[in-house]
Amino acid sequence: MGIVSSEPVVLIGPGSEWFWSAAQFVVVAVSLLGIYYQLRLQRAANAFDQLARLEAEWTSELLIRARLSVARSVQARTATPIGALSVVGQFWERTASLVRKGHVDARVVYESIGSALLYSWAMLGDEVVRRREQSQVMDLLIHFEWLAGRFAEFAKEHGTTVPFTREAIIDQLDQNIAGLEERLQMVEASRQMPAVPGRRRSREASDGGRAAR
């Protein structure tokens, strides 16, 4: 049978130091836990914003035109135009740099636009290596190549059966080019859409009111 102390618990004054030390420890622990979760939420929000910006840039008119130029050059078996190579390559280089520095999780990017990166490297990899040797700039798009390697490992882990090789992609180029051309037409059509009639009438009424005054 345990022995219960008959001494009173002291919360104020001499002898209460143990209680306040324990209470201070609990407060600090709870504060640190709150800060940890807050930082996790903030980091997740930042990663989401960066991923949304990457996806928006990847589907921008500039990238669509560059991707279309790359696909057409691969289909024609000619050298990729330097402008298109630069636009597409630098997009992936920036993306890979963000991943490598820990700003965005590699698996999050892979699940979002990983297949697009592997597709791009399959089309551009040989050209990048050739331009490295030609220019003696051996770190040209090196982060892009690194992330392609990481994503290839993820694809194997996930059991992905899509062969991201240049030969396999050439067989799909007609479909890929048609899709990019259609998307480009949609972008161009969106720029030519007329102003909303309601806004036009409102603007005319406002101009008429100012003329009357």
Protein backbone atom coordinates (compact mmCIF):
# COMPACT_ATOMS: atom_id res chain seq x y z
CA MET A 1 0.00 0.00 0.00
CA GLY A 2 1.41 3.39 -1.05
CA ILE A 3 2.15 6.14 1.38
CA VAL A 4 0.26 9.38 0.77
CA SER A 5 2.13 12.48 1.84
CA SER A 6 0.27 14.65 4.29
CA GLU A 7 2.34 17.70 3.41
CA PRO A 8 0.31 20.43 1.71
CA VAL A 9 1.04 21.31 -1.91
CA VAL A 10 2.66 24.74 -2.01
CA LEU A 11 1.80 26.84 -5.06
CA ILE A 12 2.85 30.26 -3.80
CA GLY A 13 5.92 31.28 -1.86
CA PRO A 14 8.85 29.15 -0.73
CA GLY A 15 8.65 25.54 -1.93
CA SER A 16 6.54 26.38 -4.99
CA GLU A 17 9.49 26.63 -7.36
CA TRP A 18 8.99 23.09 -8.69
CA PHE A 19 5.41 23.85 -9.71
CA TRP A 20 6.22 27.04 -11.59
CA SER A 21 9.20 25.41 -13.29
CA ALA A 22 6.93 22.59 -14.51
CA ALA A 23 4.25 25.06 -15.60
CA GLN A 24 6.83 27.11 -17.50
CA PHE A 25 8.05 23.96 -19.25
CA VAL A 26 4.51 23.08 -20.33
CA VAL A 27 3.90 26.61 -21.66
CA VAL A 28 7.16 26.56 -23.63
CA ALA A 29 6.42 23.09 -25.03
CA VAL A 30 2.91 24.10 -26.13
CA SER A 31 4.26 27.30 -27.71
CA LEU A 32 6.95 25.42 -29.61
CA LEU A 33 4.38 22.88 -30.79
CA GLY A 34 2.14 25.69 -32.02
CA ILE A 35 5.03 27.35 -33.85
CA TYR A 36 5.97 24.02 -35.44
CA TYR A 37 2.48 23.44 -36.81
CA GLN A 38 2.22 27.05 -37.95
CA LEU A 39 5.49 26.73 -39.88
CA ARG A 40 4.32 23.47 -41.41
CA LEU A 41 1.08 25.08 -42.58
CA GLN A 42 2.95 28.11 -43.92
CA ARG A 43 5.42 25.91 -45.77
CA ALA A 44 2.59 23.84 -47.24
CA ALA A 45 0.82 27.02 -48.38
CA ASN A 46 4.01 28.38 -49.95
CA ALA A 47 4.63 25.07 -51.72
CA PHE A 48 1.06 25.08 -53.03
CA ASP A 49 1.44 28.65 -54.34
CA GLN A 50 4.74 27.82 -56.05
CA LEU A 51 3.25 24.70 -57.60
CA ALA A 52 0.25 26.66 -58.87
CA ARG A 53 2.59 29.23 -60.45
CA LEU A 54 4.63 26.48 -62.11
CA GLU A 55 1.52 24.87 -63.56
CA ALA A 56 0.25 28.26 -64.78
CA GLU A 57 3.59 29.03 -66.44
CA TRP A 58 3.77 25.58 -68.05
CA THR A 59 0.40 26.20 -69.75
CA SER A 60 1.20 29.82 -70.72
CA GLU A 61 1.25 30.86 -74.36
CA LEU A 62 5.04 31.26 -74.37
CA LEU A 63 5.61 27.72 -73.12
CA ILE A 64 2.96 26.25 -75.42
CA ARG A 65 4.65 27.84 -78.44
CA ALA A 66 8.08 26.66 -77.28
CA ARG A 67 6.83 23.14 -76.60
CA LEU A 68 5.20 23.05 -80.02
CA SER A 69 8.46 24.13 -81.65
CA VAL A 70 10.36 21.41 -79.78
CA ALA A 71 7.84 18.73 -80.76
CA ARG A 72 7.92 19.74 -84.42
CA SER A 73 11.72 19.67 -84.52
CA VAL A 74 11.80 16.21 -82.96
CA GLN A 75 9.20 15.03 -85.45
CA ALA A 76 11.27 16.44 -88.34
CA ARG A 77 14.44 14.98 -86.77
CA THR A 78 16.16 18.36 -86.90
CA ALA A 79 18.07 20.30 -84.23
CA THR A 80 15.83 21.94 -81.67
CA PRO A 81 15.67 25.73 -82.16
CA ILE A 82 17.81 27.40 -79.51
CA GLY A 83 14.98 29.71 -78.47
CA ALA A 84 12.53 26.88 -77.82
CA LEU A 85 15.22 24.82 -76.07
CA SER A 86 16.05 27.77 -73.83
CA VAL A 87 12.43 28.50 -72.88
CA VAL A 88 11.48 24.90 -72.08
CA GLY A 89 14.86 23.99 -70.59
CA GLN A 90 15.05 27.03 -68.32
CA PHE A 91 11.52 26.41 -67.06
CA TRP A 92 12.51 22.94 -65.91
CA GLU A 93 15.87 24.19 -64.65
CA ARG A 94 14.12 26.68 -62.36
CA THR A 95 11.68 24.01 -61.21
CA ALA A 96 14.48 21.56 -60.46
CA SER A 97 16.43 24.25 -58.62
CA LEU A 98 13.44 24.90 -56.33
CA VAL A 99 13.21 21.18 -55.59
CA ARG A 100 16.94 20.80 -55.03
CA LYS A 101 17.00 23.71 -52.56
CA GLY A 102 14.08 22.21 -50.62
CA HIS A 103 11.55 24.93 -51.46
CA VAL A 104 9.18 22.42 -53.09
CA ASP A 105 8.91 18.71 -52.34
CA ALA A 106 10.08 16.53 -55.23
CA ARG A 107 7.21 14.07 -54.91
CA VAL A 108 4.62 16.86 -54.89
CA VAL A 109 6.03 18.21 -58.15
CA TYR A 110 6.23 14.69 -59.58
CA GLU A 111 2.58 13.96 -58.85
CA SER A 112 1.57 17.25 -60.46
CA ILE A 113 3.74 17.71 -63.57
CA GLY A 114 6.26 14.88 -63.33
CA SER A 115 5.23 13.17 -66.56
CA ALA A 116 5.62 16.49 -68.43
CA LEU A 117 9.21 16.81 -67.20
CA LEU A 118 10.09 13.25 -68.17
CA TYR A 119 8.48 13.80 -71.57
CA SER A 120 10.48 17.01 -72.04
CA TRP A 121 13.79 15.40 -71.06
CA ALA A 122 13.17 12.49 -73.41
CA MET A 123 12.81 15.00 -76.25
CA LEU A 124 15.58 17.39 -75.22
CA GLY A 125 18.13 15.27 -73.36
CA ASP A 126 20.24 14.32 -76.37
CA GLU A 127 20.18 17.91 -77.63
CA VAL A 128 21.23 19.26 -74.22
CA VAL A 129 24.18 16.85 -74.04
CA ARG A 130 25.23 17.80 -77.59
CA ARG A 131 25.11 21.52 -76.78
CA ARG A 132 27.13 20.95 -73.60
CA GLU A 133 29.90 19.34 -75.59
CA GLN A 134 29.67 21.97 -78.30
CA SER A 135 29.80 24.94 -75.91
CA GLN A 136 31.94 23.29 -73.21
CA VAL A 137 29.37 24.47 -70.65
CA MET A 138 29.13 21.14 -68.87
CA ASP A 139 26.60 22.31 -66.27
CA LEU A 140 24.06 23.39 -68.89
CA LEU A 141 20.58 22.47 -67.56
CA ILE A 142 22.23 20.16 -65.03
CA HIS A 143 19.39 20.54 -62.51
CA PHE A 144 16.86 19.62 -65.19
CA GLU A 145 18.76 16.39 -65.86
CA TRP A 146 19.05 15.68 -62.12
CA LEU A 147 15.31 16.03 -61.54
CA ALA A 148 14.57 13.86 -64.58
CA GLY A 149 16.66 11.15 -62.91
CA ARG A 150 14.76 11.51 -59.63
CA PHE A 151 11.41 11.37 -61.41
CA ALA A 152 12.48 8.28 -63.36
CA GLU A 153 13.12 6.58 -60.00
CA PHE A 154 9.69 7.67 -58.73
CA ALA A 155 8.08 6.30 -61.88
CA LYS A 156 9.70 2.90 -61.28
CA GLU A 157 8.57 2.92 -57.65
CA HIS A 158 4.99 3.68 -58.73
CA GLY A 159 5.08 0.97 -61.38
CA THR A 160 4.58 3.44 -64.22
CA THR A 161 4.57 1.58 -67.51
CA VAL A 162 4.81 4.64 -69.78
CA PRO A 163 8.21 4.46 -71.54
CA PHE A 164 9.69 7.97 -71.42
CA THR A 165 12.16 7.40 -74.23
CA ARG A 166 12.72 9.43 -77.38
CA GLU A 167 11.63 6.51 -79.58
CA ALA A 168 8.36 6.02 -77.69
CA ILE A 169 7.63 9.74 -77.72
CA ILE A 170 8.18 10.01 -81.49
CA ASP A 171 5.32 7.53 -81.92
CA GLN A 172 3.04 9.90 -79.95
CA LEU A 173 4.16 13.17 -81.52
CA ASP A 174 1.21 13.57 -83.90
CA GLN A 175 -1.20 13.45 -80.98
CA ASN A 176 1.00 15.69 -78.85
CA ILE A 177 1.38 18.31 -81.58
CA ALA A 178 -2.35 18.28 -82.30
CA GLY A 179 -3.07 18.85 -78.62
CA LEU A 180 -0.64 21.76 -78.37
CA GLU A 181 -2.02 23.34 -81.56
CA GLU A 182 -5.56 23.09 -80.21
CA ARG A 183 -4.53 24.64 -76.89
CA LEU A 184 -2.74 27.44 -78.70
CA GLN A 185 -5.86 28.15 -80.74
CA MET A 186 -7.87 28.39 -77.52
CA VAL A 187 -5.37 30.87 -76.07
CA GLU A 188 -5.46 32.99 -79.22
CA ALA A 189 -9.28 32.87 -79.34
CA SER A 190 -9.49 34.02 -75.73
CA ARG A 191 -7.56 37.18 -76.64
CA GLN A 192 -10.03 37.98 -79.41
CA MET A 193 -13.18 37.62 -77.30
CA PRO A 194 -15.35 40.78 -77.49
CA ALA A 195 -16.02 42.91 -74.44
CA VAL A 196 -18.99 41.94 -72.29
CA PRO A 197 -22.09 43.82 -73.66
CA GLY A 198 -23.28 44.81 -70.21
CA ARG A 199 -19.99 46.49 -69.42
CA ARG A 200 -20.00 48.25 -72.79
CA ARG A 201 -23.51 49.67 -72.23
CA SER A 202 -22.56 50.74 -68.73
CA ARG A 203 -19.48 52.51 -70.08
CA GLU A 204 -21.53 54.24 -72.81
CA ALA A 205 -24.12 55.36 -70.27
CA SER A 206 -21.36 56.73 -68.07
CA ASP A 207 -19.83 58.62 -71.01
CA GLY A 208 -23.27 60.01 -71.91
CA GLY A 209 -23.81 61.16 -68.38
CA ARG A 210 -20.48 62.96 -68.35
CA ALA A 211 -21.31 64.60 -71.72
CA ALA A 212 -24.67 65.80 -70.37
CA ARG A 213 -22.93 67.37 -67.41
